[in-house]
Amino acid sequence: MPENKRSKPFDLEDRTLRFANLVRDFAKEYPKNSVFWDDVRQLIRSSGSVGANYIEANDSLSKKDFAMRIKICKKEAKESRSWLNLLERQNESVEEERAKLEQEAAELTFIFAAIPRKSES
């Protein structure tokens, strides 16, 4: 890809995919013998669900279906943040990355909370 070609700054499909991939990279670094591994697995599921539901929202058949899918995106982003919060300070070697992911989950939650308000205007 040429250096001057950038992805769209507000492309949520790319952003949610990037979030899910970063979570998977984070999970690879997390110790699998940890008591918290079940939490990491739940985090993987919820992070992937954000993007999957956003794709479904874009292909929705009605405004009501769109609104419901966006609400699910918000719920899954919020759930991802919750799992990341549970993992806080449990592994010093990945704490910086965990904090970045938690921030991204919070931002996605705010974005998906705003979409229904903006679409009603």
PDB file of N, CA and C in Angstrom:
ATOM      1  N   MET A   1       0.853  -1.175   0.000  1.00  0.00           N
ATOM      2  CA  MET A   1       0.000   0.000   0.000  1.00  0.00           C
ATOM      3  C   MET A   1       0.899   1.239   0.000  1.00  0.00           C
ATOM      4  N   PRO A   2       0.647   2.213  -0.884  1.00  0.00           N
ATOM      5  CA  PRO A   2       1.447   3.434  -0.891  1.00  0.00           C
ATOM      6  C   PRO A   2       1.334   4.177   0.429  1.00  0.00           C
ATOM      7  N   GLU A   3       2.410   4.859   0.792  1.00  0.00           N
ATOM      8  CA  GLU A   3       2.448   5.562   2.066  1.00  0.00           C
ATOM      9  C   GLU A   3       1.412   6.672   2.160  1.00  0.00           C
ATOM     10  N   ASN A   4       1.098   7.324   1.035  1.00  0.00           N
ATOM     11  CA  ASN A   4       0.157   8.433   1.091  1.00  0.00           C
ATOM     12  C   ASN A   4      -1.299   7.989   1.114  1.00  0.00           C
ATOM     13  N   LYS A   5      -1.540   6.726   0.866  1.00  0.00           N
ATOM     14  CA  LYS A   5      -2.914   6.226   0.906  1.00  0.00           C
ATOM     15  C   LYS A   5      -3.252   5.808   2.331  1.00  0.00           C
ATOM     16  N   ARG A   6      -4.269   6.432   2.887  1.00  0.00           N
ATOM     17  CA  ARG A   6      -4.684   6.135   4.262  1.00  0.00           C
ATOM     18  C   ARG A   6      -6.081   5.552   4.261  1.00  0.00           C
ATOM     19  N   SER A   7      -6.372   4.776   5.293  1.00  0.00           N
ATOM     20  CA  SER A   7      -7.734   4.307   5.446  1.00  0.00           C
ATOM     21  C   SER A   7      -8.573   5.474   5.966  1.00  0.00           C
ATOM     22  N   LYS A   8      -9.860   5.371   5.769  1.00  0.00           N
ATOM     23  CA  LYS A   8     -10.751   6.428   6.233  1.00  0.00           C
ATOM     24  C   LYS A   8     -10.642   6.556   7.754  1.00  0.00           C
ATOM     25  N   PRO A   9     -10.549   7.780   8.287  1.00  0.00           N
ATOM     26  CA  PRO A   9     -10.346   7.940   9.728  1.00  0.00           C
ATOM     27  C   PRO A   9     -11.530   7.453  10.569  1.00  0.00           C
ATOM     28  N   PHE A  10     -12.719   7.402   9.977  1.00  0.00           N
ATOM     29  CA  PHE A  10     -13.887   7.014  10.763  1.00  0.00           C
ATOM     30  C   PHE A  10     -14.500   5.711  10.269  1.00  0.00           C
ATOM     31  N   ASP A  11     -13.692   4.845   9.689  1.00  0.00           N
ATOM     32  CA  ASP A  11     -14.192   3.573   9.195  1.00  0.00           C
ATOM     33  C   ASP A  11     -14.298   2.596  10.369  1.00  0.00           C
ATOM     34  N   LEU A  12     -15.485   2.482  10.917  1.00  0.00           N
ATOM     35  CA  LEU A  12     -15.687   1.644  12.104  1.00  0.00           C
ATOM     36  C   LEU A  12     -15.505   0.160  11.814  1.00  0.00           C
ATOM     37  N   GLU A  13     -15.775  -0.252  10.598  1.00  0.00           N
ATOM     38  CA  GLU A  13     -15.575  -1.658  10.273  1.00  0.00           C
ATOM     39  C   GLU A  13     -14.095  -2.019  10.420  1.00  0.00           C
ATOM     40  N   ASP A  14     -13.216  -1.168   9.883  1.00  0.00           N
ATOM     41  CA  ASP A  14     -11.773  -1.398  10.036  1.00  0.00           C
ATOM     42  C   ASP A  14     -11.345  -1.262  11.494  1.00  0.00           C
ATOM     43  N   ARG A  15     -11.889  -0.263  12.165  1.00  0.00           N
ATOM     44  CA  ARG A  15     -11.488  -0.013  13.554  1.00  0.00           C
ATOM     45  C   ARG A  15     -11.890  -1.163  14.466  1.00  0.00           C
ATOM     46  N   THR A  16     -13.081  -1.705  14.284  1.00  0.00           N
ATOM     47  CA  THR A  16     -13.517  -2.815  15.130  1.00  0.00           C
ATOM     48  C   THR A  16     -12.738  -4.084  14.809  1.00  0.00           C
ATOM     49  N   LEU A  17     -12.386  -4.277  13.537  1.00  0.00           N
ATOM     50  CA  LEU A  17     -11.556  -5.424  13.166  1.00  0.00           C
ATOM     51  C   LEU A  17     -10.168  -5.293  13.778  1.00  0.00           C
ATOM     52  N   ARG A  18      -9.613  -4.094  13.717  1.00  0.00           N
ATOM     53  CA  ARG A  18      -8.295  -3.842  14.309  1.00  0.00           C
ATOM     54  C   ARG A  18      -8.338  -4.099  15.824  1.00  0.00           C
ATOM     55  N   PHE A  19      -9.415  -3.667  16.477  1.00  0.00           N
ATOM     56  CA  PHE A  19      -9.574  -3.897  17.918  1.00  0.00           C
ATOM     57  C   PHE A  19      -9.577  -5.399  18.217  1.00  0.00           C
ATOM     58  N   ALA A  20     -10.355  -6.162  17.469  1.00  0.00           N
ATOM     59  CA  ALA A  20     -10.426  -7.607  17.695  1.00  0.00           C
ATOM     60  C   ALA A  20      -9.061  -8.266  17.463  1.00  0.00           C
ATOM     61  N   ASN A  21      -8.351  -7.822  16.445  1.00  0.00           N
ATOM     62  CA  ASN A  21      -7.019  -8.386  16.181  1.00  0.00           C
ATOM     63  C   ASN A  21      -6.024  -8.025  17.277  1.00  0.00           C
ATOM     64  N   LEU A  22      -6.083  -6.793  17.773  1.00  0.00           N
ATOM     65  CA  LEU A  22      -5.197  -6.393  18.868  1.00  0.00           C
ATOM     66  C   LEU A  22      -5.489  -7.190  20.138  1.00  0.00           C
ATOM     67  N   VAL A  23      -6.757  -7.475  20.385  1.00  0.00           N
ATOM     68  CA  VAL A  23      -7.126  -8.308  21.540  1.00  0.00           C
ATOM     69  C   VAL A  23      -6.534  -9.699  21.377  1.00  0.00           C
ATOM     70  N   ARG A  24      -6.580 -10.241  20.174  1.00  0.00           N
ATOM     71  CA  ARG A  24      -6.019 -11.569  19.949  1.00  0.00           C
ATOM     72  C   ARG A  24      -4.497 -11.570  20.152  1.00  0.00           C
ATOM     73  N   ASP A  25      -3.838 -10.502  19.690  1.00  0.00           N
ATOM     74  CA  ASP A  25      -2.398 -10.382  19.932  1.00  0.00           C
ATOM     75  C   ASP A  25      -2.109 -10.301  21.436  1.00  0.00           C
ATOM     76  N   PHE A  26      -2.930  -9.544  22.147  1.00  0.00           N
ATOM     77  CA  PHE A  26      -2.810  -9.432  23.600  1.00  0.00           C
ATOM     78  C   PHE A  26      -2.976 -10.807  24.250  1.00  0.00           C
ATOM     79  N   ALA A  27      -3.960 -11.565  23.792  1.00  0.00           N
ATOM     80  CA  ALA A  27      -4.238 -12.880  24.373  1.00  0.00           C
ATOM     81  C   ALA A  27      -3.063 -13.839  24.177  1.00  0.00           C
ATOM     82  N   LYS A  28      -2.373 -13.723  23.047  1.00  0.00           N
ATOM     83  CA  LYS A  28      -1.218 -14.588  22.789  1.00  0.00           C
ATOM     84  C   LYS A  28      -0.109 -14.351  23.804  1.00  0.00           C
ATOM     85  N   GLU A  29      -0.019 -13.136  24.327  1.00  0.00           N
ATOM     86  CA  GLU A  29       1.020 -12.782  25.289  1.00  0.00           C
ATOM     87  C   GLU A  29       0.622 -13.099  26.729  1.00  0.00           C
ATOM     88  N   TYR A  30      -0.663 -13.347  26.953  1.00  0.00           N
ATOM     89  CA  TYR A  30      -1.135 -13.593  28.313  1.00  0.00           C
ATOM     90  C   TYR A  30      -0.828 -15.041  28.704  1.00  0.00           C
ATOM     91  N   PRO A  31      -0.326 -15.289  29.907  1.00  0.00           N
ATOM     92  CA  PRO A  31       0.011 -16.661  30.301  1.00  0.00           C
ATOM     93  C   PRO A  31      -1.220 -17.577  30.297  1.00  0.00           C
ATOM     94  N   LYS A  32      -1.109 -18.677  29.612  1.00  0.00           N
ATOM     95  CA  LYS A  32      -2.249 -19.589  29.485  1.00  0.00           C
ATOM     96  C   LYS A  32      -2.499 -20.406  30.750  1.00  0.00           C
ATOM     97  N   ASN A  33      -1.541 -20.442  31.653  1.00  0.00           N
ATOM     98  CA  ASN A  33      -1.746 -21.173  32.902  1.00  0.00           C
ATOM     99  C   ASN A  33      -2.385 -20.292  33.976  1.00  0.00           C
ATOM    100  N   SER A  34      -2.748 -19.094  33.584  1.00  0.00           N
ATOM    101  CA  SER A  34      -3.293 -18.127  34.526  1.00  0.00           C
ATOM    102  C   SER A  34      -4.708 -18.502  34.948  1.00  0.00           C
ATOM    103  N   VAL A  35      -5.038 -18.110  36.144  1.00  0.00           N
ATOM    104  CA  VAL A  35      -6.400 -18.257  36.648  1.00  0.00           C
ATOM    105  C   VAL A  35      -7.357 -17.418  35.797  1.00  0.00           C
ATOM    106  N   PHE A  36      -6.803 -16.393  35.154  1.00  0.00           N
ATOM    107  CA  PHE A  36      -7.613 -15.444  34.409  1.00  0.00           C
ATOM    108  C   PHE A  36      -7.804 -15.817  32.944  1.00  0.00           C
ATOM    109  N   TRP A  37      -7.358 -16.993  32.544  1.00  0.00           N
ATOM    110  CA  TRP A  37      -7.461 -17.363  31.133  1.00  0.00           C
ATOM    111  C   TRP A  37      -8.911 -17.419  30.652  1.00  0.00           C
ATOM    112  N   ASP A  38      -9.850 -17.833  31.491  1.00  0.00           N
ATOM    113  CA  ASP A  38     -11.264 -17.829  31.099  1.00  0.00           C
ATOM    114  C   ASP A  38     -11.730 -16.405  30.799  1.00  0.00           C
ATOM    115  N   ASP A  39     -11.245 -15.432  31.562  1.00  0.00           N
ATOM    116  CA  ASP A  39     -11.576 -14.035  31.303  1.00  0.00           C
ATOM    117  C   ASP A  39     -11.017 -13.588  29.956  1.00  0.00           C
ATOM    118  N   VAL A  40      -9.807 -14.019  29.637  1.00  0.00           N
ATOM    119  CA  VAL A  40      -9.192 -13.674  28.351  1.00  0.00           C
ATOM    120  C   VAL A  40     -10.014 -14.264  27.204  1.00  0.00           C
ATOM    121  N   ARG A  41     -10.455 -15.483  27.354  1.00  0.00           N
ATOM    122  CA  ARG A  41     -11.281 -16.114  26.302  1.00  0.00           C
ATOM    123  C   ARG A  41     -12.598 -15.367  26.105  1.00  0.00           C
ATOM    124  N   GLN A  42     -13.217 -14.943  27.192  1.00  0.00           N
ATOM    125  CA  GLN A  42     -14.441 -14.147  27.084  1.00  0.00           C
ATOM    126  C   GLN A  42     -14.164 -12.817  26.387  1.00  0.00           C
ATOM    127  N   LEU A  43     -13.027 -12.215  26.691  1.00  0.00           N
ATOM    128  CA  LEU A  43     -12.614 -10.967  26.055  1.00  0.00           C
ATOM    129  C   LEU A  43     -12.467 -11.164  24.547  1.00  0.00           C
ATOM    130  N   ILE A  44     -11.867 -12.264  24.138  1.00  0.00           N
ATOM    131  CA  ILE A  44     -11.712 -12.555  22.711  1.00  0.00           C
ATOM    132  C   ILE A  44     -13.076 -12.623  22.035  1.00  0.00           C
ATOM    133  N   ARG A  45     -14.009 -13.296  22.668  1.00  0.00           N
ATOM    134  CA  ARG A  45     -15.359 -13.431  22.086  1.00  0.00           C
ATOM    135  C   ARG A  45     -16.063 -12.081  21.959  1.00  0.00           C
ATOM    136  N   SER A  46     -16.060 -11.303  23.027  1.00  0.00           N
ATOM    137  CA  SER A  46     -16.787 -10.031  22.992  1.00  0.00           C
ATOM    138  C   SER A  46     -16.146  -9.036  22.032  1.00  0.00           C
ATOM    139  N   SER A  47     -14.806  -9.036  21.955  1.00  0.00           N
ATOM    140  CA  SER A  47     -14.144  -8.096  21.046  1.00  0.00           C
ATOM    141  C   SER A  47     -14.468  -8.412  19.593  1.00  0.00           C
ATOM    142  N   GLY A  48     -14.541  -9.663  19.245  1.00  0.00           N
ATOM    143  CA  GLY A  48     -14.903 -10.044  17.878  1.00  0.00           C
ATOM    144  C   GLY A  48     -16.357  -9.755  17.565  1.00  0.00           C
ATOM    145  N   SER A  49     -17.194  -9.847  18.565  1.00  0.00           N
ATOM    146  CA  SER A  49     -18.619  -9.607  18.385  1.00  0.00           C
ATOM    147  C   SER A  49     -18.933  -8.142  18.080  1.00  0.00           C
ATOM    148  N   VAL A  50     -18.097  -7.221  18.548  1.00  0.00           N
ATOM    149  CA  VAL A  50     -18.307  -5.795  18.254  1.00  0.00           C
ATOM    150  C   VAL A  50     -18.329  -5.597  16.748  1.00  0.00           C
ATOM    151  N   GLY A  51     -17.287  -6.044  16.072  1.00  0.00           N
ATOM    152  CA  GLY A  51     -17.178  -5.869  14.627  1.00  0.00           C
ATOM    153  C   GLY A  51     -18.203  -6.673  13.852  1.00  0.00           C
ATOM    154  N   ALA A  52     -18.447  -7.893  14.286  1.00  0.00           N
ATOM    155  CA  ALA A  52     -19.421  -8.730  13.585  1.00  0.00           C
ATOM    156  C   ALA A  52     -20.810  -8.096  13.610  1.00  0.00           C
ATOM    157  N   ASN A  53     -21.193  -7.555  14.734  1.00  0.00           N
ATOM    158  CA  ASN A  53     -22.503  -6.908  14.821  1.00  0.00           C
ATOM    159  C   ASN A  53     -22.545  -5.589  14.054  1.00  0.00           C
ATOM    160  N   TYR A  54     -21.408  -4.904  13.959  1.00  0.00           N
ATOM    161  CA  TYR A  54     -21.377  -3.681  13.163  1.00  0.00           C
ATOM    162  C   TYR A  54     -21.578  -4.001  11.676  1.00  0.00           C
ATOM    163  N   ILE A  55     -20.947  -5.065  11.210  1.00  0.00           N
ATOM    164  CA  ILE A  55     -21.161  -5.497   9.820  1.00  0.00           C
ATOM    165  C   ILE A  55     -22.628  -5.837   9.609  1.00  0.00           C
ATOM    166  N   GLU A  56     -23.230  -6.549  10.546  1.00  0.00           N
ATOM    167  CA  GLU A  56     -24.652  -6.884  10.462  1.00  0.00           C
ATOM    168  C   GLU A  56     -25.521  -5.628  10.456  1.00  0.00           C
ATOM    169  N   ALA A  57     -25.151  -4.633  11.255  1.00  0.00           N
ATOM    170  CA  ALA A  57     -25.912  -3.380  11.299  1.00  0.00           C
ATOM    171  C   ALA A  57     -25.894  -2.698   9.935  1.00  0.00           C
ATOM    172  N   ASN A  58     -24.744  -2.707   9.290  1.00  0.00           N
ATOM    173  CA  ASN A  58     -24.636  -2.074   7.974  1.00  0.00           C
ATOM    174  C   ASN A  58     -25.442  -2.794   6.909  1.00  0.00           C
ATOM    175  N   ASP A  59     -25.738  -4.060   7.124  1.00  0.00           N
ATOM    176  CA  ASP A  59     -26.547  -4.831   6.180  1.00  0.00           C
ATOM    177  C   ASP A  59     -27.981  -5.021   6.667  1.00  0.00           C
ATOM    178  N   SER A  60     -28.388  -4.244   7.649  1.00  0.00           N
ATOM    179  CA  SER A  60     -29.716  -4.420   8.241  1.00  0.00           C
ATOM    180  C   SER A  60     -30.809  -4.074   7.237  1.00  0.00           C
ATOM    181  N   LEU A  61     -31.963  -4.666   7.473  1.00  0.00           N
ATOM    182  CA  LEU A  61     -33.092  -4.495   6.563  1.00  0.00           C
ATOM    183  C   LEU A  61     -34.027  -3.366   6.973  1.00  0.00           C
ATOM    184  N   SER A  62     -33.870  -2.883   8.193  1.00  0.00           N
ATOM    185  CA  SER A  62     -34.750  -1.814   8.665  1.00  0.00           C
ATOM    186  C   SER A  62     -33.992  -0.923   9.644  1.00  0.00           C
ATOM    187  N   LYS A  63     -34.570   0.237   9.908  1.00  0.00           N
ATOM    188  CA  LYS A  63     -33.971   1.143  10.894  1.00  0.00           C
ATOM    189  C   LYS A  63     -33.988   0.524  12.286  1.00  0.00           C
ATOM    190  N   LYS A  64     -35.047  -0.206  12.575  1.00  0.00           N
ATOM    191  CA  LYS A  64     -35.170  -0.851  13.886  1.00  0.00           C
ATOM    192  C   LYS A  64     -34.079  -1.916  14.061  1.00  0.00           C
ATOM    193  N   ASP A  65     -33.849  -2.703  13.012  1.00  0.00           N
ATOM    194  CA  ASP A  65     -32.795  -3.719  13.057  1.00  0.00           C
ATOM    195  C   ASP A  65     -31.421  -3.062  13.191  1.00  0.00           C
ATOM    196  N   PHE A  66     -31.195  -1.968  12.454  1.00  0.00           N
ATOM    197  CA  PHE A  66     -29.937  -1.229  12.539  1.00  0.00           C
ATOM    198  C   PHE A  66     -29.703  -0.759  13.975  1.00  0.00           C
ATOM    199  N   ALA A  67     -30.722  -0.140  14.562  1.00  0.00           N
ATOM    200  CA  ALA A  67     -30.591   0.390  15.928  1.00  0.00           C
ATOM    201  C   ALA A  67     -30.284  -0.729  16.921  1.00  0.00           C
ATOM    202  N   MET A  68     -30.925  -1.881  16.749  1.00  0.00           N
ATOM    203  CA  MET A  68     -30.694  -3.002  17.666  1.00  0.00           C
ATOM    204  C   MET A  68     -29.267  -3.527  17.538  1.00  0.00           C
ATOM    205  N   ARG A  69     -28.777  -3.646  16.321  1.00  0.00           N
ATOM    206  CA  ARG A  69     -27.406  -4.135  16.112  1.00  0.00           C
ATOM    207  C   ARG A  69     -26.375  -3.160  16.694  1.00  0.00           C
ATOM    208  N   ILE A  70     -26.623  -1.877  16.533  1.00  0.00           N
ATOM    209  CA  ILE A  70     -25.701  -0.874  17.082  1.00  0.00           C
ATOM    210  C   ILE A  70     -25.706  -0.946  18.612  1.00  0.00           C
ATOM    211  N   LYS A  71     -26.871  -1.180  19.189  1.00  0.00           N
ATOM    212  CA  LYS A  71     -26.939  -1.337  20.645  1.00  0.00           C
ATOM    213  C   LYS A  71     -26.159  -2.568  21.099  1.00  0.00           C
ATOM    214  N   ILE A  72     -26.193  -3.630  20.288  1.00  0.00           N
ATOM    215  CA  ILE A  72     -25.419  -4.830  20.612  1.00  0.00           C
ATOM    216  C   ILE A  72     -23.924  -4.526  20.506  1.00  0.00           C
ATOM    217  N   CYS A  73     -23.532  -3.738  19.497  1.00  0.00           N
ATOM    218  CA  CYS A  73     -22.123  -3.322  19.381  1.00  0.00           C
ATOM    219  C   CYS A  73     -21.686  -2.609  20.650  1.00  0.00           C
ATOM    220  N   LYS A  74     -22.522  -1.690  21.117  1.00  0.00           N
ATOM    221  CA  LYS A  74     -22.210  -0.946  22.336  1.00  0.00           C
ATOM    222  C   LYS A  74     -22.080  -1.898  23.524  1.00  0.00           C
ATOM    223  N   LYS A  75     -23.008  -2.832  23.637  1.00  0.00           N
ATOM    224  CA  LYS A  75     -22.997  -3.793  24.734  1.00  0.00           C
ATOM    225  C   LYS A  75     -21.732  -4.647  24.707  1.00  0.00           C
ATOM    226  N   GLU A  76     -21.333  -5.105  23.538  1.00  0.00           N
ATOM    227  CA  GLU A  76     -20.144  -5.955  23.416  1.00  0.00           C
ATOM    228  C   GLU A  76     -18.860  -5.163  23.681  1.00  0.00           C
ATOM    229  N   ALA A  77     -18.813  -3.902  23.242  1.00  0.00           N
ATOM    230  CA  ALA A  77     -17.651  -3.061  23.533  1.00  0.00           C
ATOM    231  C   ALA A  77     -17.545  -2.822  25.041  1.00  0.00           C
ATOM    232  N   LYS A  78     -18.688  -2.584  25.668  1.00  0.00           N
ATOM    233  CA  LYS A  78     -18.717  -2.375  27.123  1.00  0.00           C
ATOM    234  C   LYS A  78     -18.299  -3.648  27.859  1.00  0.00           C
ATOM    235  N   GLU A  79     -18.746  -4.788  27.347  1.00  0.00           N
ATOM    236  CA  GLU A  79     -18.361  -6.068  27.946  1.00  0.00           C
ATOM    237  C   GLU A  79     -16.852  -6.303  27.791  1.00  0.00           C
ATOM    238  N   SER A  80     -16.306  -5.960  26.633  1.00  0.00           N
ATOM    239  CA  SER A  80     -14.860  -6.094  26.418  1.00  0.00           C
ATOM    240  C   SER A  80     -14.097  -5.257  27.440  1.00  0.00           C
ATOM    241  N   ARG A  81     -14.576  -4.056  27.649  1.00  0.00           N
ATOM    242  CA  ARG A  81     -13.924  -3.180  28.641  1.00  0.00           C
ATOM    243  C   ARG A  81     -14.000  -3.799  30.038  1.00  0.00           C
ATOM    244  N   SER A  82     -15.108  -4.409  30.345  1.00  0.00           N
ATOM    245  CA  SER A  82     -15.268  -5.043  31.649  1.00  0.00           C
ATOM    246  C   SER A  82     -14.266  -6.186  31.832  1.00  0.00           C
ATOM    247  N   TRP A  83     -14.104  -7.029  30.799  1.00  0.00           N
ATOM    248  CA  TRP A  83     -13.136  -8.132  30.894  1.00  0.00           C
ATOM    249  C   TRP A  83     -11.718  -7.580  31.027  1.00  0.00           C
ATOM    250  N   LEU A  84     -11.422  -6.521  30.269  1.00  0.00           N
ATOM    251  CA  LEU A  84     -10.100  -5.898  30.377  1.00  0.00           C
ATOM    252  C   LEU A  84      -9.873  -5.316  31.768  1.00  0.00           C
ATOM    253  N   ASN A  85     -10.910  -4.762  32.335  1.00  0.00           N
ATOM    254  CA  ASN A  85     -10.820  -4.209  33.689  1.00  0.00           C
ATOM    255  C   ASN A  85     -10.534  -5.317  34.710  1.00  0.00           C
ATOM    256  N   LEU A  86     -11.153  -6.472  34.525  1.00  0.00           N
ATOM    257  CA  LEU A  86     -10.897  -7.600  35.428  1.00  0.00           C
ATOM    258  C   LEU A  86      -9.450  -8.079  35.350  1.00  0.00           C
ATOM    259  N   LEU A  87      -8.843  -7.909  34.190  1.00  0.00           N
ATOM    260  CA  LEU A  87      -7.466  -8.353  33.999  1.00  0.00           C
ATOM    261  C   LEU A  87      -6.433  -7.323  34.460  1.00  0.00           C
ATOM    262  N   GLU A  88      -6.915  -6.163  34.909  1.00  0.00           N
ATOM    263  CA  GLU A  88      -6.013  -5.085  35.323  1.00  0.00           C
ATOM    264  C   GLU A  88      -5.054  -5.547  36.407  1.00  0.00           C
ATOM    265  N   ARG A  89      -3.799  -5.220  36.221  1.00  0.00           N
ATOM    266  CA  ARG A  89      -2.717  -5.491  37.170  1.00  0.00           C
ATOM    267  C   ARG A  89      -2.530  -6.985  37.488  1.00  0.00           C
ATOM    268  N   GLN A  90      -3.031  -7.844  36.631  1.00  0.00           N
ATOM    269  CA  GLN A  90      -2.843  -9.271  36.867  1.00  0.00           C
ATOM    270  C   GLN A  90      -1.567  -9.781  36.206  1.00  0.00           C
ATOM    271  N   ASN A  91      -1.057  -9.012  35.239  1.00  0.00           N
ATOM    272  CA  ASN A  91       0.156  -9.418  34.547  1.00  0.00           C
ATOM    273  C   ASN A  91       0.908  -8.164  34.124  1.00  0.00           C
ATOM    274  N   GLU A  92       1.953  -7.838  34.857  1.00  0.00           N
ATOM    275  CA  GLU A  92       2.718  -6.605  34.626  1.00  0.00           C
ATOM    276  C   GLU A  92       3.259  -6.506  33.202  1.00  0.00           C
ATOM    277  N   SER A  93       3.623  -7.630  32.594  1.00  0.00           N
ATOM    278  CA  SER A  93       4.276  -7.596  31.289  1.00  0.00           C
ATOM    279  C   SER A  93       3.339  -7.135  30.168  1.00  0.00           C
ATOM    280  N   VAL A  94       2.040  -7.226  30.373  1.00  0.00           N
ATOM    281  CA  VAL A  94       1.081  -6.817  29.329  1.00  0.00           C
ATOM    282  C   VAL A  94       0.179  -5.670  29.797  1.00  0.00           C
ATOM    283  N   GLU A  95       0.506  -5.057  30.922  1.00  0.00           N
ATOM    284  CA  GLU A  95      -0.370  -4.026  31.495  1.00  0.00           C
ATOM    285  C   GLU A  95      -0.531  -2.827  30.564  1.00  0.00           C
ATOM    286  N   GLU A  96       0.539  -2.387  29.931  1.00  0.00           N
ATOM    287  CA  GLU A  96       0.441  -1.218  29.044  1.00  0.00           C
ATOM    288  C   GLU A  96      -0.502  -1.495  27.874  1.00  0.00           C
ATOM    289  N   GLU A  97      -0.372  -2.668  27.273  1.00  0.00           N
ATOM    290  CA  GLU A  97      -1.252  -3.028  26.160  1.00  0.00           C
ATOM    291  C   GLU A  97      -2.698  -3.188  26.627  1.00  0.00           C
ATOM    292  N   ARG A  98      -2.878  -3.776  27.807  1.00  0.00           N
ATOM    293  CA  ARG A  98      -4.226  -3.936  28.359  1.00  0.00           C
ATOM    294  C   ARG A  98      -4.891  -2.574  28.549  1.00  0.00           C
ATOM    295  N   ALA A  99      -4.145  -1.613  29.055  1.00  0.00           N
ATOM    296  CA  ALA A  99      -4.691  -0.270  29.277  1.00  0.00           C
ATOM    297  C   ALA A  99      -5.085   0.391  27.956  1.00  0.00           C
ATOM    298  N   LYS A 100      -4.276   0.208  26.920  1.00  0.00           N
ATOM    299  CA  LYS A 100      -4.614   0.760  25.599  1.00  0.00           C
ATOM    300  C   LYS A 100      -5.891   0.126  25.049  1.00  0.00           C
ATOM    301  N   LEU A 101      -6.007  -1.172  25.211  1.00  0.00           N
ATOM    302  CA  LEU A 101      -7.209  -1.870  24.740  1.00  0.00           C
ATOM    303  C   LEU A 101      -8.444  -1.425  25.521  1.00  0.00           C
ATOM    304  N   GLU A 102      -8.281  -1.210  26.807  1.00  0.00           N
ATOM    305  CA  GLU A 102      -9.404  -0.746  27.618  1.00  0.00           C
ATOM    306  C   GLU A 102      -9.858   0.642  27.146  1.00  0.00           C
ATOM    307  N   GLN A 103      -8.909   1.505  26.813  1.00  0.00           N
ATOM    308  CA  GLN A 103      -9.228   2.837  26.302  1.00  0.00           C
ATOM    309  C   GLN A 103      -9.972   2.735  24.964  1.00  0.00           C
ATOM    310  N   GLU A 104      -9.522   1.845  24.088  1.00  0.00           N
ATOM    311  CA  GLU A 104     -10.185   1.673  22.795  1.00  0.00           C
ATOM    312  C   GLU A 104     -11.600   1.126  22.994  1.00  0.00           C
ATOM    313  N   ALA A 105     -11.774   0.194  23.910  1.00  0.00           N
ATOM    314  CA  ALA A 105     -13.107  -0.339  24.193  1.00  0.00           C
ATOM    315  C   ALA A 105     -14.027   0.766  24.711  1.00  0.00           C
ATOM    316  N   ALA A 106     -13.492   1.642  25.542  1.00  0.00           N
ATOM    317  CA  ALA A 106     -14.291   2.769  26.055  1.00  0.00           C
ATOM    318  C   ALA A 106     -14.675   3.705  24.910  1.00  0.00           C
ATOM    319  N   GLU A 107     -13.738   4.005  24.027  1.00  0.00           N
ATOM    320  CA  GLU A 107     -14.045   4.886  22.897  1.00  0.00           C
ATOM    321  C   GLU A 107     -15.088   4.273  21.977  1.00  0.00           C
ATOM    322  N   LEU A 108     -14.962   2.975  21.705  1.00  0.00           N
ATOM    323  CA  LEU A 108     -15.963   2.303  20.866  1.00  0.00           C
ATOM    324  C   LEU A 108     -17.339   2.332  21.536  1.00  0.00           C
ATOM    325  N   THR A 109     -17.369   2.159  22.848  1.00  0.00           N
ATOM    326  CA  THR A 109     -18.642   2.230  23.574  1.00  0.00           C
ATOM    327  C   THR A 109     -19.284   3.600  23.386  1.00  0.00           C
ATOM    328  N   PHE A 110     -18.505   4.653  23.514  1.00  0.00           N
ATOM    329  CA  PHE A 110     -19.035   6.014  23.340  1.00  0.00           C
ATOM    330  C   PHE A 110     -19.510   6.248  21.905  1.00  0.00           C
ATOM    331  N   ILE A 111     -18.752   5.762  20.942  1.00  0.00           N
ATOM    332  CA  ILE A 111     -19.138   5.924  19.534  1.00  0.00           C
ATOM    333  C   ILE A 111     -20.461   5.225  19.268  1.00  0.00           C
ATOM    334  N   PHE A 112     -20.583   3.974  19.712  1.00  0.00           N
ATOM    335  CA  PHE A 112     -21.814   3.225  19.447  1.00  0.00           C
ATOM    336  C   PHE A 112     -22.996   3.758  20.254  1.00  0.00           C
ATOM    337  N   ALA A 113     -22.737   4.420  21.362  1.00  0.00           N
ATOM    338  CA  ALA A 113     -23.815   5.060  22.116  1.00  0.00           C
ATOM    339  C   ALA A 113     -24.327   6.293  21.375  1.00  0.00           C
ATOM    340  N   ALA A 114     -23.442   6.953  20.647  1.00  0.00           N
ATOM    341  CA  ALA A 114     -23.823   8.179  19.943  1.00  0.00           C
ATOM    342  C   ALA A 114     -24.563   7.918  18.629  1.00  0.00           C
ATOM    343  N   ILE A 115     -24.309   6.796  18.001  1.00  0.00           N
ATOM    344  CA  ILE A 115     -24.900   6.520  16.684  1.00  0.00           C
ATOM    345  C   ILE A 115     -26.425   6.568  16.703  1.00  0.00           C
ATOM    346  N   PRO A 116     -27.103   5.899  17.615  1.00  0.00           N
ATOM    347  CA  PRO A 116     -28.577   5.985  17.596  1.00  0.00           C
ATOM    348  C   PRO A 116     -29.102   7.406  17.795  1.00  0.00           C
ATOM    349  N   ARG A 117     -28.424   8.176  18.643  1.00  0.00           N
ATOM    350  CA  ARG A 117     -28.854   9.573  18.861  1.00  0.00           C
ATOM    351  C   ARG A 117     -28.688  10.384  17.577  1.00  0.00           C
ATOM    352  N   LYS A 118     -27.574  10.181  16.896  1.00  0.00           N
ATOM    353  CA  LYS A 118     -27.295  10.927  15.657  1.00  0.00           C
ATOM    354  C   LYS A 118     -28.227  10.499  14.527  1.00  0.00           C
ATOM    355  N   SER A 119     -28.568   9.219  14.460  1.00  0.00           N
ATOM    356  CA  SER A 119     -29.409   8.731  13.361  1.00  0.00           C
ATOM    357  C   SER A 119     -30.872   9.145  13.535  1.00  0.00           C
ATOM    358  N   GLU A 120     -31.267   9.464  14.758  1.00  0.00           N
ATOM    359  CA  GLU A 120     -32.638   9.931  14.992  1.00  0.00           C
ATOM    360  C   GLU A 120     -32.805  11.404  14.610  1.00  0.00           C
ATOM    361  N   SER A 121     -31.701  12.147  14.575  1.00  0.00           N
ATOM    362  CA  SER A 121     -31.763  13.590  14.284  1.00  0.00           C
ATOM    363  C   SER A 121     -32.112  13.858  12.838  1.00  0.00           C
TER     364      SER A 121
END
